[in-house]
Every structure is written in C-alpha cells, then in structure tokens.
C-alpha cells in the first residue's frame, strides 16, 4: 500500500507533500515516514495518508449534482505551491468526498492545478512528542580501520560530537 507523506518544518508551518512510503498499515507507514522523511531535514511533525484515500479534484470539475446528505466530517485540503508540491491550505467540513471536492474548489482553488482532499480521520500523525526528528546521521560506520588510526579516531570523535549537539538541539538545550 502506498502512503503519501506530508512534512511540517516548524510548529506554525504548513504541511508540505514530501513523497511517499510503501507500508502494509498506518503504523508501519508512520515509522517509515520518520526514517525516510523526518531525520535529515528540520521536522516538527509528519502526516501520512493512504494514496487511495486522497481525492484529487480539478477546478473545472462539474459538481452541479452533488448530494450533500450525511454526517459532516473534517477534510484537509492541499493546493500545489509554486514548486508543485501540495501544501496544506485549510480544512473544510463535508458529508462526503463529492461535497468536499466541490467546497475545496470553491474555497481554495486559485488556478487550474488540481487540489487534494483527504478526510482528516484517514491521516496518521507523528509529532515531535512521539519521536526525536532531525539532527545529523551517525556516520561512524563509514570509517575504515587502518594502521594509522589517528585520522579516523578524530573523525569518529567529530561525528560523536555532532550527535551530542544534535541531541541537545532536539531537546531544546542548545
């Protein structure tokens, strides 16, 4: 199953699409998203949503015969930014996907580029309270053992210091 991943850089930033992960269920998708998309760039939170549950809507879609019956639920709306990455632009409440698509176009469409709409309950969220995002990656496994170990030892020590500093930043101590 393919899960689309959205990354939030900082607490007040919007969620921006950053690619996908392949996983059998939501929990594995969340773990894979952290590993693939949350460890190298500054990350506050990640959203994962099943690709099949993301409704794509083009602004010129005919929505004249939309049935608005049912219980209203919240939907997240994503619009392509200047680079083409879908960015969370707001939320709407709608009883079904057809109404969500229509309302998303009415409220958020700026041009002919397609919007994405996904029911909020279908999104899995990972926050900085759940995992430690970011920092540098430990590179000590790359160092070859040699007879002259001084240069390698210096690089290992520098890498360890980077790890310590990254951990301090993650905890807000630097």
N, C-alpha and C. Protein backbone atom coordinates (compact mmCIF):
# COMPACT_ATOMS: atom_id res chain seq x y z
N UNK A 1 0.84 -1.17 0.00
CA UNK A 1 0.00 0.00 0.00
C UNK A 1 0.89 1.24 0.00
N UNK A 2 0.50 2.25 -0.74
CA UNK A 2 1.28 3.48 -0.83
C UNK A 2 0.65 4.54 0.08
N UNK A 3 1.50 5.19 0.86
CA UNK A 3 1.09 6.24 1.79
C UNK A 3 1.80 7.52 1.40
N UNK A 4 1.05 8.60 1.23
CA UNK A 4 1.65 9.89 0.91
C UNK A 4 2.06 10.56 2.22
N UNK A 5 3.21 11.23 2.20
CA UNK A 5 3.77 11.82 3.42
C UNK A 5 3.84 13.34 3.27
N UNK A 6 3.42 14.03 4.31
CA UNK A 6 3.47 15.49 4.38
C UNK A 6 4.30 15.87 5.59
N UNK A 7 5.23 16.81 5.43
CA UNK A 7 6.14 17.21 6.50
C UNK A 7 5.88 18.65 6.92
N UNK A 8 5.86 18.86 8.22
CA UNK A 8 5.76 20.20 8.79
C UNK A 8 7.13 20.58 9.34
N UNK A 9 7.71 21.64 8.81
CA UNK A 9 9.07 22.04 9.15
C UNK A 9 9.17 22.57 10.59
N UNK A 10 8.24 23.42 10.99
CA UNK A 10 8.26 24.03 12.32
C UNK A 10 6.82 24.09 12.83
N UNK A 11 6.62 24.37 14.12
CA UNK A 11 5.28 24.31 14.69
C UNK A 11 4.20 25.11 13.98
N UNK A 12 4.50 26.26 13.42
CA UNK A 12 3.48 27.08 12.78
C UNK A 12 3.47 26.98 11.26
N UNK A 13 4.31 26.12 10.71
CA UNK A 13 4.39 25.97 9.25
C UNK A 13 3.29 25.04 8.75
N UNK A 14 3.00 25.17 7.47
CA UNK A 14 2.02 24.27 6.84
C UNK A 14 2.67 22.92 6.54
N UNK A 15 1.85 21.89 6.39
CA UNK A 15 2.34 20.58 5.99
C UNK A 15 2.52 20.58 4.48
N UNK A 16 3.68 20.11 4.01
CA UNK A 16 4.01 20.10 2.59
C UNK A 16 4.29 18.65 2.18
N UNK A 17 3.75 18.27 1.04
CA UNK A 17 3.96 16.93 0.50
C UNK A 17 5.45 16.70 0.25
N UNK A 18 5.97 15.56 0.70
CA UNK A 18 7.40 15.31 0.52
C UNK A 18 7.70 13.96 -0.14
N UNK A 19 6.77 13.21 -0.58
CA UNK A 19 6.89 11.94 -1.30
C UNK A 19 6.03 10.88 -0.62
N UNK A 20 6.35 9.62 -0.89
CA UNK A 20 5.52 8.55 -0.35
C UNK A 20 6.38 7.49 0.31
N UNK A 21 5.70 6.57 0.99
CA UNK A 21 6.33 5.37 1.54
C UNK A 21 5.42 4.20 1.21
N UNK A 22 6.01 3.02 1.13
CA UNK A 22 5.24 1.80 0.92
C UNK A 22 5.20 1.06 2.25
N UNK A 23 3.99 0.76 2.73
CA UNK A 23 3.84 0.09 4.02
C UNK A 23 2.52 -0.67 4.04
N UNK A 24 2.45 -1.76 4.81
CA UNK A 24 1.21 -2.55 4.86
C UNK A 24 0.10 -1.92 5.69
N UNK A 25 0.46 -1.04 6.65
CA UNK A 25 -0.56 -0.42 7.51
C UNK A 25 -0.09 0.95 7.98
N UNK A 26 -0.98 1.65 8.68
CA UNK A 26 -0.71 3.02 9.13
C UNK A 26 0.50 3.11 10.06
N UNK A 27 0.63 2.20 11.01
CA UNK A 27 1.73 2.27 11.97
C UNK A 27 3.08 2.09 11.29
N UNK A 28 3.16 1.15 10.36
CA UNK A 28 4.42 0.96 9.62
C UNK A 28 4.68 2.18 8.74
N UNK A 29 3.63 2.74 8.14
CA UNK A 29 3.80 3.93 7.30
C UNK A 29 4.36 5.08 8.13
N UNK A 30 3.88 5.23 9.35
CA UNK A 30 4.38 6.29 10.22
C UNK A 30 5.86 6.07 10.54
N UNK A 31 6.23 4.83 10.83
CA UNK A 31 7.64 4.54 11.13
C UNK A 31 8.52 4.79 9.91
N UNK A 32 8.08 4.32 8.74
CA UNK A 32 8.86 4.53 7.53
C UNK A 32 8.97 6.02 7.19
N UNK A 33 7.90 6.77 7.43
CA UNK A 33 7.92 8.21 7.15
C UNK A 33 8.97 8.91 8.02
N UNK A 34 9.05 8.52 9.28
CA UNK A 34 10.05 9.11 10.18
C UNK A 34 11.45 8.80 9.66
N UNK A 35 11.68 7.56 9.28
CA UNK A 35 13.00 7.15 8.81
C UNK A 35 13.36 7.84 7.50
N UNK A 36 12.43 7.89 6.57
CA UNK A 36 12.75 8.41 5.25
C UNK A 36 12.61 9.93 5.12
N UNK A 37 11.71 10.54 5.87
CA UNK A 37 11.42 11.96 5.65
C UNK A 37 11.58 12.84 6.87
N UNK A 38 11.85 12.28 8.02
CA UNK A 38 11.90 13.10 9.23
C UNK A 38 13.24 13.17 9.91
N UNK A 39 14.27 12.57 9.32
CA UNK A 39 15.52 12.54 10.07
C UNK A 39 16.58 13.50 9.56
N UNK A 40 16.52 13.94 8.31
CA UNK A 40 17.59 14.78 7.78
C UNK A 40 17.24 16.25 7.72
N UNK A 41 15.98 16.57 7.53
CA UNK A 41 15.56 17.97 7.45
C UNK A 41 14.85 18.35 8.74
N UNK A 42 14.85 19.64 9.07
CA UNK A 42 14.11 20.06 10.26
C UNK A 42 12.64 19.62 10.14
N UNK A 43 12.15 18.96 11.16
CA UNK A 43 10.80 18.41 11.12
C UNK A 43 10.14 18.59 12.48
N UNK A 44 8.91 19.10 12.45
CA UNK A 44 8.11 19.21 13.66
C UNK A 44 7.09 18.08 13.73
N UNK A 45 6.52 17.72 12.58
CA UNK A 45 5.51 16.65 12.54
C UNK A 45 5.40 16.12 11.11
N UNK A 46 4.84 14.93 11.01
CA UNK A 46 4.57 14.30 9.72
C UNK A 46 3.13 13.82 9.69
N UNK A 47 2.52 13.88 8.53
CA UNK A 47 1.22 13.25 8.28
C UNK A 47 1.41 12.18 7.24
N UNK A 48 0.76 11.04 7.41
CA UNK A 48 0.72 10.00 6.38
C UNK A 48 -0.74 9.72 6.05
N UNK A 49 -1.03 9.58 4.75
CA UNK A 49 -2.40 9.31 4.30
C UNK A 49 -2.35 8.27 3.19
N UNK A 50 -3.27 7.30 3.21
CA UNK A 50 -3.28 6.32 2.13
C UNK A 50 -3.53 7.00 0.79
N UNK A 51 -2.71 6.67 -0.19
CA UNK A 51 -2.84 7.29 -1.50
C UNK A 51 -4.24 7.12 -2.07
N UNK A 52 -4.85 5.95 -1.85
CA UNK A 52 -6.19 5.68 -2.39
C UNK A 52 -7.28 6.54 -1.75
N UNK A 53 -7.00 7.12 -0.58
CA UNK A 53 -7.99 7.94 0.11
C UNK A 53 -7.86 9.43 -0.19
N UNK A 54 -6.89 9.79 -1.00
CA UNK A 54 -6.71 11.19 -1.37
C UNK A 54 -7.53 11.46 -2.63
N UNK A 55 -8.46 12.38 -2.49
CA UNK A 55 -9.32 12.77 -3.61
C UNK A 55 -8.64 13.90 -4.36
N UNK A 56 -8.44 13.73 -5.64
CA UNK A 56 -7.89 14.78 -6.47
C UNK A 56 -9.03 15.44 -7.21
N UNK A 57 -9.02 16.77 -7.24
CA UNK A 57 -10.11 17.49 -7.90
C UNK A 57 -9.52 18.63 -8.73
N UNK A 58 -9.98 18.71 -9.95
CA UNK A 58 -9.57 19.82 -10.81
C UNK A 58 -10.65 20.90 -10.73
N UNK A 59 -10.26 22.15 -10.72
CA UNK A 59 -11.23 23.24 -10.53
C UNK A 59 -12.38 23.27 -11.52
N UNK A 60 -12.23 22.75 -12.73
CA UNK A 60 -13.33 22.81 -13.69
C UNK A 60 -14.24 21.57 -13.65
N UNK A 61 -14.10 20.74 -12.60
CA UNK A 61 -14.93 19.55 -12.45
C UNK A 61 -16.39 19.94 -12.24
N UNK A 62 -17.30 19.22 -12.89
CA UNK A 62 -18.74 19.50 -12.76
C UNK A 62 -19.23 18.94 -11.42
N UNK A 63 -19.70 19.82 -10.54
CA UNK A 63 -20.21 19.41 -9.23
C UNK A 63 -21.66 19.85 -9.04
N UNK A 64 -22.38 19.98 -10.14
CA UNK A 64 -23.74 20.50 -10.05
C UNK A 64 -24.73 19.54 -9.40
N UNK A 65 -24.49 18.24 -9.47
CA UNK A 65 -25.44 17.28 -8.90
C UNK A 65 -24.88 16.57 -7.67
N UNK A 66 -24.20 17.31 -6.82
CA UNK A 66 -23.61 16.75 -5.61
C UNK A 66 -24.68 16.55 -4.54
N UNK A 67 -24.69 15.35 -3.94
CA UNK A 67 -25.62 15.02 -2.87
C UNK A 67 -24.96 15.36 -1.54
N UNK A 68 -25.57 16.27 -0.78
CA UNK A 68 -24.98 16.75 0.47
C UNK A 68 -25.59 16.09 1.69
N UNK A 69 -25.98 14.84 1.58
CA UNK A 69 -26.57 14.14 2.73
C UNK A 69 -25.50 13.40 3.51
N UNK A 70 -25.73 13.27 4.81
CA UNK A 70 -24.81 12.53 5.66
C UNK A 70 -24.26 13.40 6.78
N UNK A 71 -23.49 12.76 7.65
CA UNK A 71 -22.87 13.47 8.77
C UNK A 71 -21.63 14.20 8.28
N UNK A 72 -21.47 15.43 8.73
CA UNK A 72 -20.33 16.22 8.31
C UNK A 72 -19.08 15.76 9.05
N UNK A 73 -17.98 15.63 8.32
CA UNK A 73 -16.68 15.29 8.88
C UNK A 73 -15.66 16.30 8.35
N UNK A 74 -14.51 16.36 8.99
CA UNK A 74 -13.47 17.30 8.59
C UNK A 74 -12.60 16.71 7.48
N UNK A 75 -12.22 17.55 6.53
CA UNK A 75 -11.36 17.18 5.41
C UNK A 75 -10.21 18.18 5.35
N UNK A 76 -9.01 17.70 5.06
CA UNK A 76 -7.84 18.55 4.84
C UNK A 76 -7.73 18.84 3.35
N UNK A 77 -7.37 20.07 3.01
CA UNK A 77 -7.25 20.48 1.61
C UNK A 77 -5.81 20.88 1.34
N UNK A 78 -5.27 20.37 0.23
CA UNK A 78 -3.90 20.65 -0.19
C UNK A 78 -3.93 21.26 -1.59
N UNK A 79 -3.13 22.32 -1.77
CA UNK A 79 -3.03 23.00 -3.07
C UNK A 79 -1.55 23.02 -3.48
N UNK A 80 -1.26 22.84 -4.77
CA UNK A 80 0.14 22.90 -5.19
C UNK A 80 0.74 24.28 -4.93
N UNK A 81 1.96 24.30 -4.40
CA UNK A 81 2.65 25.58 -4.20
C UNK A 81 3.41 25.93 -5.47
N UNK A 82 4.25 26.95 -5.40
CA UNK A 82 4.96 27.42 -6.59
C UNK A 82 5.90 26.36 -7.17
N UNK A 83 6.35 25.41 -6.35
CA UNK A 83 7.23 24.36 -6.84
C UNK A 83 6.46 23.12 -7.27
N UNK A 84 5.13 23.13 -7.08
CA UNK A 84 4.31 21.99 -7.46
C UNK A 84 4.02 21.02 -6.34
N UNK A 85 4.58 21.26 -5.15
CA UNK A 85 4.32 20.38 -4.02
C UNK A 85 3.00 20.76 -3.36
N UNK A 86 2.15 19.79 -3.10
CA UNK A 86 0.87 20.07 -2.47
C UNK A 86 1.10 20.46 -1.01
N UNK A 87 0.54 21.61 -0.65
CA UNK A 87 0.71 22.19 0.67
C UNK A 87 -0.66 22.33 1.33
N UNK A 88 -0.73 22.01 2.62
CA UNK A 88 -1.99 22.13 3.36
C UNK A 88 -2.38 23.61 3.41
N UNK A 89 -3.59 23.90 2.90
CA UNK A 89 -4.05 25.29 2.86
C UNK A 89 -5.26 25.54 3.75
N UNK A 90 -5.85 24.47 4.28
CA UNK A 90 -7.00 24.67 5.15
C UNK A 90 -7.83 23.41 5.28
N UNK A 91 -8.90 23.54 6.03
CA UNK A 91 -9.81 22.43 6.30
C UNK A 91 -11.23 22.83 5.95
N UNK A 92 -12.01 21.85 5.61
CA UNK A 92 -13.44 22.07 5.36
C UNK A 92 -14.21 20.96 6.04
N UNK A 93 -15.51 21.16 6.21
CA UNK A 93 -16.38 20.11 6.72
C UNK A 93 -17.36 19.76 5.63
N UNK A 94 -17.50 18.45 5.40
CA UNK A 94 -18.39 17.98 4.34
C UNK A 94 -18.87 16.57 4.69
N UNK A 95 -20.06 16.19 4.18
CA UNK A 95 -20.61 14.88 4.49
C UNK A 95 -20.04 13.74 3.63
N UNK A 96 -19.40 14.09 2.51
CA UNK A 96 -18.85 13.05 1.63
C UNK A 96 -17.78 13.66 0.74
N UNK A 97 -17.11 12.79 -0.02
CA UNK A 97 -15.99 13.23 -0.86
C UNK A 97 -16.44 14.20 -1.96
N UNK A 98 -17.61 13.97 -2.54
CA UNK A 98 -18.08 14.84 -3.62
C UNK A 98 -18.28 16.27 -3.12
N UNK A 99 -18.90 16.41 -1.97
CA UNK A 99 -19.11 17.75 -1.40
C UNK A 99 -17.76 18.35 -0.98
N UNK A 100 -16.87 17.53 -0.43
CA UNK A 100 -15.55 18.03 -0.04
C UNK A 100 -14.79 18.56 -1.25
N UNK A 101 -14.86 17.83 -2.37
CA UNK A 101 -14.19 18.30 -3.58
C UNK A 101 -14.77 19.62 -4.06
N UNK A 102 -16.12 19.71 -4.08
CA UNK A 102 -16.78 20.94 -4.54
C UNK A 102 -16.40 22.12 -3.64
N UNK A 103 -16.50 21.93 -2.34
CA UNK A 103 -16.22 23.01 -1.40
C UNK A 103 -14.74 23.41 -1.42
N UNK A 104 -13.86 22.44 -1.62
CA UNK A 104 -12.43 22.74 -1.70
C UNK A 104 -12.15 23.64 -2.90
N UNK A 105 -12.75 23.33 -4.02
CA UNK A 105 -12.57 24.16 -5.22
C UNK A 105 -13.12 25.56 -4.97
N UNK A 106 -14.34 25.64 -4.39
CA UNK A 106 -14.96 26.94 -4.14
C UNK A 106 -14.10 27.81 -3.22
N UNK A 107 -13.49 27.19 -2.21
CA UNK A 107 -12.78 27.96 -1.21
C UNK A 107 -11.28 28.13 -1.48
N UNK A 108 -10.64 27.15 -2.12
CA UNK A 108 -9.18 27.16 -2.17
C UNK A 108 -8.55 27.16 -3.56
N UNK A 109 -9.31 26.92 -4.62
CA UNK A 109 -8.71 26.87 -5.96
C UNK A 109 -8.27 28.26 -6.39
N UNK A 110 -7.06 28.33 -6.93
CA UNK A 110 -6.54 29.60 -7.44
C UNK A 110 -6.33 29.56 -8.95
N UNK A 111 -6.16 28.39 -9.50
CA UNK A 111 -5.94 28.22 -10.94
C UNK A 111 -6.40 26.82 -11.33
N UNK A 112 -5.93 26.31 -12.46
CA UNK A 112 -6.41 25.03 -12.95
C UNK A 112 -5.70 23.83 -12.33
N UNK A 113 -4.71 24.06 -11.48
CA UNK A 113 -3.98 22.94 -10.88
C UNK A 113 -4.88 22.17 -9.90
N UNK A 114 -4.75 20.84 -9.88
CA UNK A 114 -5.64 20.03 -9.04
C UNK A 114 -5.35 20.19 -7.54
N UNK A 115 -6.42 20.16 -6.77
CA UNK A 115 -6.33 20.15 -5.32
C UNK A 115 -6.39 18.71 -4.84
N UNK A 116 -5.87 18.46 -3.64
CA UNK A 116 -6.04 17.17 -3.00
C UNK A 116 -6.92 17.38 -1.78
N UNK A 117 -7.84 16.45 -1.54
CA UNK A 117 -8.72 16.49 -0.38
C UNK A 117 -8.68 15.12 0.27
N UNK A 118 -8.49 15.09 1.59
CA UNK A 118 -8.45 13.82 2.30
C UNK A 118 -9.15 13.98 3.65
N UNK A 119 -9.96 12.99 3.97
CA UNK A 119 -10.68 13.01 5.25
C UNK A 119 -9.66 12.97 6.39
N UNK A 120 -9.82 13.86 7.35
CA UNK A 120 -8.86 14.00 8.45
C UNK A 120 -8.65 12.69 9.20
N UNK A 121 -9.70 11.91 9.38
CA UNK A 121 -9.58 10.65 10.12
C UNK A 121 -8.69 9.63 9.41
N UNK A 122 -8.45 9.81 8.13
CA UNK A 122 -7.62 8.89 7.36
C UNK A 122 -6.13 9.21 7.49
N UNK A 123 -5.81 10.34 8.11
CA UNK A 123 -4.41 10.79 8.24
C UNK A 123 -3.84 10.32 9.57
N UNK A 124 -2.66 9.72 9.50
CA UNK A 124 -1.91 9.38 10.70
C UNK A 124 -0.88 10.47 10.96
N UNK A 125 -0.74 10.89 12.20
CA UNK A 125 0.17 11.99 12.53
C UNK A 125 1.27 11.51 13.46
N UNK A 126 2.47 11.99 13.21
CA UNK A 126 3.62 11.74 14.06
C UNK A 126 4.15 13.10 14.46
N UNK A 127 4.31 13.35 15.75
CA UNK A 127 4.79 14.66 16.21
C UNK A 127 6.13 14.52 16.93
N UNK A 128 6.73 15.64 17.23
CA UNK A 128 7.99 15.65 17.96
C UNK A 128 7.82 15.05 19.36
N UNK A 129 6.60 14.98 19.86
CA UNK A 129 6.36 14.33 21.15
C UNK A 129 6.46 12.80 21.03
N UNK A 130 6.25 12.29 19.80
CA UNK A 130 6.29 10.84 19.56
C UNK A 130 7.70 10.33 19.29
N UNK A 131 8.48 11.09 18.53
CA UNK A 131 9.83 10.69 18.13
C UNK A 131 10.76 11.89 18.14
N UNK A 132 12.07 11.62 18.11
CA UNK A 132 13.06 12.70 18.00
C UNK A 132 13.42 12.84 16.53
N UNK A 133 12.94 13.91 15.90
CA UNK A 133 13.23 14.18 14.50
C UNK A 133 14.59 14.87 14.36
N UNK A 134 15.11 14.82 13.15
CA UNK A 134 16.23 15.66 12.74
C UNK A 134 17.55 15.31 13.35
N UNK A 135 18.47 16.24 13.22
CA UNK A 135 19.83 16.02 13.66
C UNK A 135 20.65 15.42 12.55
N UNK A 136 21.88 15.18 12.83
CA UNK A 136 22.75 14.58 11.83
C UNK A 136 22.71 13.07 11.98
N UNK A 137 23.08 12.40 10.95
CA UNK A 137 23.10 10.95 10.96
C UNK A 137 24.47 10.47 11.42
N UNK A 138 24.50 9.48 12.28
CA UNK A 138 25.75 8.92 12.76
C UNK A 138 26.49 8.29 11.58
N UNK A 139 27.71 8.75 11.34
CA UNK A 139 28.48 8.29 10.18
C UNK A 139 29.65 7.40 10.59
N UNK A 140 29.73 7.01 11.82
CA UNK A 140 30.90 6.26 12.28
C UNK A 140 31.04 4.91 11.58
N UNK A 141 29.96 4.34 11.09
CA UNK A 141 30.04 3.06 10.40
C UNK A 141 30.85 3.16 9.10
N UNK A 142 31.04 4.37 8.58
CA UNK A 142 31.76 4.57 7.32
C UNK A 142 33.28 4.51 7.47
N UNK A 143 33.78 4.63 8.66
CA UNK A 143 35.22 4.76 8.85
C UNK A 143 35.91 3.41 8.77
N UNK A 144 36.86 3.30 7.86
CA UNK A 144 37.62 2.06 7.70
C UNK A 144 38.68 1.98 8.78
N UNK A 145 38.98 0.78 9.18
CA UNK A 145 40.05 0.56 10.15
C UNK A 145 41.38 0.57 9.39
N UNK A 146 42.34 1.33 9.88
CA UNK A 146 43.65 1.40 9.23
C UNK A 146 44.73 1.25 10.29
N UNK A 147 45.96 1.12 9.82
CA UNK A 147 47.07 1.06 10.77
C UNK A 147 47.29 2.39 11.45
N UNK A 148 47.09 3.47 10.70
CA UNK A 148 47.21 4.81 11.27
C UNK A 148 45.80 5.22 11.70
N UNK A 149 45.47 5.00 12.94
CA UNK A 149 44.10 5.21 13.41
C UNK A 149 43.82 6.64 13.86
N UNK A 150 44.83 7.49 13.95
CA UNK A 150 44.63 8.85 14.45
C UNK A 150 43.63 9.65 13.61
N UNK A 151 43.77 9.71 12.26
CA UNK A 151 42.79 10.49 11.48
C UNK A 151 41.37 9.94 11.62
N UNK A 152 41.26 8.61 11.60
CA UNK A 152 39.93 8.01 11.73
C UNK A 152 39.36 8.29 13.12
N UNK A 153 40.19 8.23 14.14
CA UNK A 153 39.73 8.49 15.50
C UNK A 153 39.23 9.93 15.63
N UNK A 154 39.92 10.86 14.97
CA UNK A 154 39.50 12.26 15.01
C UNK A 154 38.14 12.43 14.33
N UNK A 155 37.94 11.74 13.20
CA UNK A 155 36.65 11.83 12.51
C UNK A 155 35.53 11.21 13.33
N UNK A 156 35.81 10.08 13.98
CA UNK A 156 34.80 9.44 14.83
C UNK A 156 34.44 10.37 15.98
N UNK A 157 35.45 10.99 16.60
CA UNK A 157 35.18 11.92 17.69
C UNK A 157 34.35 13.11 17.22
N UNK A 158 34.66 13.64 16.04
CA UNK A 158 33.89 14.76 15.49
C UNK A 158 32.44 14.34 15.22
N UNK A 159 32.25 13.13 14.70
CA UNK A 159 30.90 12.63 14.45
C UNK A 159 30.13 12.45 15.75
N UNK A 160 30.80 11.92 16.77
CA UNK A 160 30.15 11.76 18.07
C UNK A 160 29.76 13.11 18.66
N UNK A 161 30.63 14.11 18.49
CA UNK A 161 30.29 15.45 18.98
C UNK A 161 29.09 16.02 18.23
N UNK A 162 29.01 15.77 16.91
CA UNK A 162 27.84 16.20 16.14
C UNK A 162 26.58 15.55 16.69
N UNK A 163 26.66 14.27 17.02
CA UNK A 163 25.50 13.56 17.55
C UNK A 163 25.06 14.15 18.90
N UNK A 164 26.02 14.47 19.73
CA UNK A 164 25.71 15.06 21.04
C UNK A 164 25.03 16.41 20.86
N UNK A 165 25.58 17.24 19.97
CA UNK A 165 24.98 18.55 19.70
C UNK A 165 23.59 18.43 19.10
N UNK A 166 23.40 17.48 18.19
CA UNK A 166 22.08 17.28 17.59
C UNK A 166 21.07 16.85 18.64
N UNK A 167 21.48 15.98 19.56
CA UNK A 167 20.57 15.53 20.62
C UNK A 167 20.21 16.70 21.54
N UNK A 168 21.16 17.56 21.83
CA UNK A 168 20.88 18.75 22.65
C UNK A 168 19.87 19.65 21.95
N UNK A 169 20.03 19.85 20.61
CA UNK A 169 19.09 20.69 19.87
C UNK A 169 17.69 20.07 19.86
N UNK A 170 17.63 18.74 19.73
CA UNK A 170 16.31 18.09 19.74
C UNK A 170 15.62 18.29 21.08
N UNK A 171 16.38 18.32 22.14
CA UNK A 171 15.80 18.51 23.46
C UNK A 171 15.64 19.97 23.81
N UNK A 172 16.07 20.86 22.90
CA UNK A 172 15.91 22.29 23.13
C UNK A 172 16.97 22.87 24.04
N UNK A 173 18.08 22.18 24.20
CA UNK A 173 19.09 22.63 25.12
C UNK A 173 20.26 23.38 24.49
N UNK A 174 20.25 23.62 23.20
CA UNK A 174 21.43 24.26 22.62
C UNK A 174 21.16 25.61 22.18
